Amino acid sequence: MDWDIIDFIIAGVLLSSTGFALRTVFQKVADVRKQVALTLIILLTLILIWVELAVGIL
């Protein structure tokens, strides 16, 4: 694979924004069921974006 610096920057932004989103969910949402649902949504979104950028499946 031929990775550029842009690829690493995009990966860093994706992982950082996912971490900030998860931290916000855990700080702001008190209901555990909502925390689990929002966590799954955030992680699935990360996976879909990562796969799309990596191989263009979708």
N, C-alpha and C. Protein backbone atom coordinates (compact mmCIF):
# COMPACT_ATOMS: atom_id res chain seq x y z
N MET A 1 0.84 -1.17 0.00
CA MET A 1 0.00 0.00 0.00
C MET A 1 0.88 1.24 0.00
N ASP A 2 0.44 2.23 -0.68
CA ASP A 2 1.17 3.49 -0.77
C ASP A 2 0.44 4.55 0.07
N TRP A 3 0.85 4.67 1.33
CA TRP A 3 0.21 5.61 2.24
C TRP A 3 0.92 6.95 2.19
N ASP A 4 0.13 7.99 2.13
CA ASP A 4 0.66 9.35 2.20
C ASP A 4 0.43 9.90 3.60
N ILE A 5 0.98 11.07 3.85
CA ILE A 5 0.78 11.72 5.14
C ILE A 5 -0.70 12.09 5.33
N ILE A 6 -1.38 12.36 4.24
CA ILE A 6 -2.81 12.70 4.30
C ILE A 6 -3.61 11.53 4.87
N ASP A 7 -3.24 10.31 4.50
CA ASP A 7 -3.93 9.13 5.02
C ASP A 7 -3.81 9.03 6.54
N PHE A 8 -2.63 9.32 7.05
CA PHE A 8 -2.41 9.29 8.49
C PHE A 8 -3.16 10.42 9.19
N ILE A 9 -3.22 11.57 8.56
CA ILE A 9 -3.96 12.69 9.14
C ILE A 9 -5.45 12.37 9.20
N ILE A 10 -5.98 11.80 8.14
CA ILE A 10 -7.40 11.44 8.11
C ILE A 10 -7.70 10.38 9.17
N ALA A 11 -6.83 9.39 9.30
CA ALA A 11 -7.02 8.36 10.32
C ALA A 11 -6.98 8.98 11.71
N GLY A 12 -6.07 9.88 11.94
CA GLY A 12 -5.98 10.55 13.23
C GLY A 12 -7.22 11.37 13.54
N VAL A 13 -7.72 12.07 12.54
CA VAL A 13 -8.93 12.87 12.73
C VAL A 13 -10.13 11.97 13.02
N LEU A 14 -10.24 10.87 12.29
CA LEU A 14 -11.35 9.94 12.53
C LEU A 14 -11.30 9.34 13.93
N LEU A 15 -10.13 8.89 14.34
CA LEU A 15 -10.01 8.28 15.67
C LEU A 15 -10.19 9.30 16.78
N SER A 16 -9.65 10.49 16.59
CA SER A 16 -9.80 11.54 17.60
C SER A 16 -11.25 11.97 17.75
N SER A 17 -11.91 12.19 16.63
CA SER A 17 -13.31 12.62 16.70
C SER A 17 -14.19 11.52 17.29
N THR A 18 -13.87 10.27 17.01
CA THR A 18 -14.62 9.17 17.62
C THR A 18 -14.41 9.15 19.13
N GLY A 19 -13.19 9.34 19.56
CA GLY A 19 -12.90 9.39 20.99
C GLY A 19 -13.61 10.54 21.68
N PHE A 20 -13.59 11.72 21.07
CA PHE A 20 -14.29 12.86 21.66
C PHE A 20 -15.80 12.63 21.70
N ALA A 21 -16.34 12.02 20.66
CA ALA A 21 -17.78 11.74 20.64
C ALA A 21 -18.16 10.74 21.73
N LEU A 22 -17.35 9.71 21.89
CA LEU A 22 -17.62 8.72 22.93
C LEU A 22 -17.49 9.33 24.32
N ARG A 23 -16.49 10.15 24.53
CA ARG A 23 -16.32 10.80 25.82
C ARG A 23 -17.51 11.72 26.12
N THR A 24 -17.99 12.42 25.12
CA THR A 24 -19.14 13.30 25.30
C THR A 24 -20.38 12.50 25.65
N VAL A 25 -20.57 11.38 24.98
CA VAL A 25 -21.73 10.52 25.28
C VAL A 25 -21.68 10.06 26.73
N PHE A 26 -20.52 9.61 27.17
CA PHE A 26 -20.42 9.09 28.54
C PHE A 26 -20.54 10.19 29.58
N GLN A 27 -20.19 11.42 29.24
CA GLN A 27 -20.31 12.52 30.19
C GLN A 27 -21.72 13.10 30.24
N LYS A 28 -22.40 13.16 29.10
CA LYS A 28 -23.67 13.88 29.01
C LYS A 28 -24.90 12.99 29.16
N VAL A 29 -24.78 11.71 28.82
CA VAL A 29 -25.94 10.82 28.82
C VAL A 29 -25.89 9.96 30.08
N ALA A 30 -26.97 10.03 30.88
CA ALA A 30 -27.00 9.29 32.14
C ALA A 30 -27.56 7.88 31.98
N ASP A 31 -28.49 7.71 31.04
CA ASP A 31 -29.13 6.42 30.85
C ASP A 31 -28.18 5.45 30.15
N VAL A 32 -27.98 4.29 30.76
CA VAL A 32 -27.02 3.31 30.24
C VAL A 32 -27.47 2.77 28.88
N ARG A 33 -28.76 2.56 28.72
CA ARG A 33 -29.25 2.05 27.42
C ARG A 33 -28.97 3.03 26.29
N LYS A 34 -29.15 4.31 26.56
CA LYS A 34 -28.86 5.32 25.56
C LYS A 34 -27.36 5.40 25.29
N GLN A 35 -26.56 5.24 26.33
CA GLN A 35 -25.11 5.24 26.15
C GLN A 35 -24.68 4.10 25.23
N VAL A 36 -25.24 2.92 25.46
CA VAL A 36 -24.88 1.75 24.63
C VAL A 36 -25.32 1.98 23.19
N ALA A 37 -26.54 2.48 23.01
CA ALA A 37 -27.05 2.71 21.66
C ALA A 37 -26.21 3.75 20.92
N LEU A 38 -25.91 4.84 21.58
CA LEU A 38 -25.10 5.89 20.94
C LEU A 38 -23.68 5.42 20.67
N THR A 39 -23.12 4.63 21.58
CA THR A 39 -21.78 4.08 21.37
C THR A 39 -21.75 3.17 20.15
N LEU A 40 -22.75 2.32 20.02
CA LEU A 40 -22.82 1.45 18.84
C LEU A 40 -22.95 2.25 17.55
N ILE A 41 -23.77 3.28 17.59
CA ILE A 41 -23.95 4.12 16.40
C ILE A 41 -22.64 4.80 16.02
N ILE A 42 -21.95 5.33 17.01
CA ILE A 42 -20.68 6.01 16.75
C ILE A 42 -19.64 5.04 16.20
N LEU A 43 -19.53 3.87 16.81
CA LEU A 43 -18.54 2.89 16.35
C LEU A 43 -18.87 2.34 14.96
N LEU A 44 -20.14 2.09 14.70
CA LEU A 44 -20.52 1.62 13.36
C LEU A 44 -20.26 2.69 12.30
N THR A 45 -20.49 3.93 12.65
CA THR A 45 -20.19 5.02 11.73
C THR A 45 -18.70 5.08 11.44
N LEU A 46 -17.89 4.95 12.49
CA LEU A 46 -16.43 4.93 12.30
C LEU A 46 -16.02 3.79 11.38
N ILE A 47 -16.55 2.61 11.62
CA ILE A 47 -16.19 1.44 10.81
C ILE A 47 -16.60 1.64 9.35
N LEU A 48 -17.81 2.15 9.13
CA LEU A 48 -18.27 2.36 7.75
C LEU A 48 -17.41 3.38 7.02
N ILE A 49 -17.07 4.47 7.69
CA ILE A 49 -16.23 5.48 7.05
C ILE A 49 -14.84 4.91 6.79
N TRP A 50 -14.29 4.18 7.75
CA TRP A 50 -12.94 3.62 7.61
C TRP A 50 -12.90 2.64 6.43
N VAL A 51 -13.89 1.77 6.34
CA VAL A 51 -13.92 0.78 5.26
C VAL A 51 -14.08 1.49 3.91
N GLU A 52 -14.93 2.47 3.87
CA GLU A 52 -15.14 3.20 2.61
C GLU A 52 -13.85 3.89 2.16
N LEU A 53 -13.17 4.51 3.08
CA LEU A 53 -11.93 5.19 2.71
C LEU A 53 -10.82 4.19 2.38
N ALA A 54 -10.81 3.04 3.05
CA ALA A 54 -9.73 2.09 2.85
C ALA A 54 -9.85 1.34 1.52
N VAL A 55 -11.03 0.82 1.24
CA VAL A 55 -11.16 -0.02 0.06
C VAL A 55 -12.29 0.38 -0.86
N GLY A 56 -13.14 1.28 -0.45
CA GLY A 56 -14.23 1.73 -1.29
C GLY A 56 -15.28 0.68 -1.55
N ILE A 57 -15.64 -0.09 -0.53
CA ILE A 57 -16.65 -1.14 -0.70
C ILE A 57 -18.03 -0.58 -0.98
N LEU A 58 -18.40 0.45 -0.26
CA LEU A 58 -19.76 0.99 -0.39
C LEU A 58 -19.89 1.95 -1.54
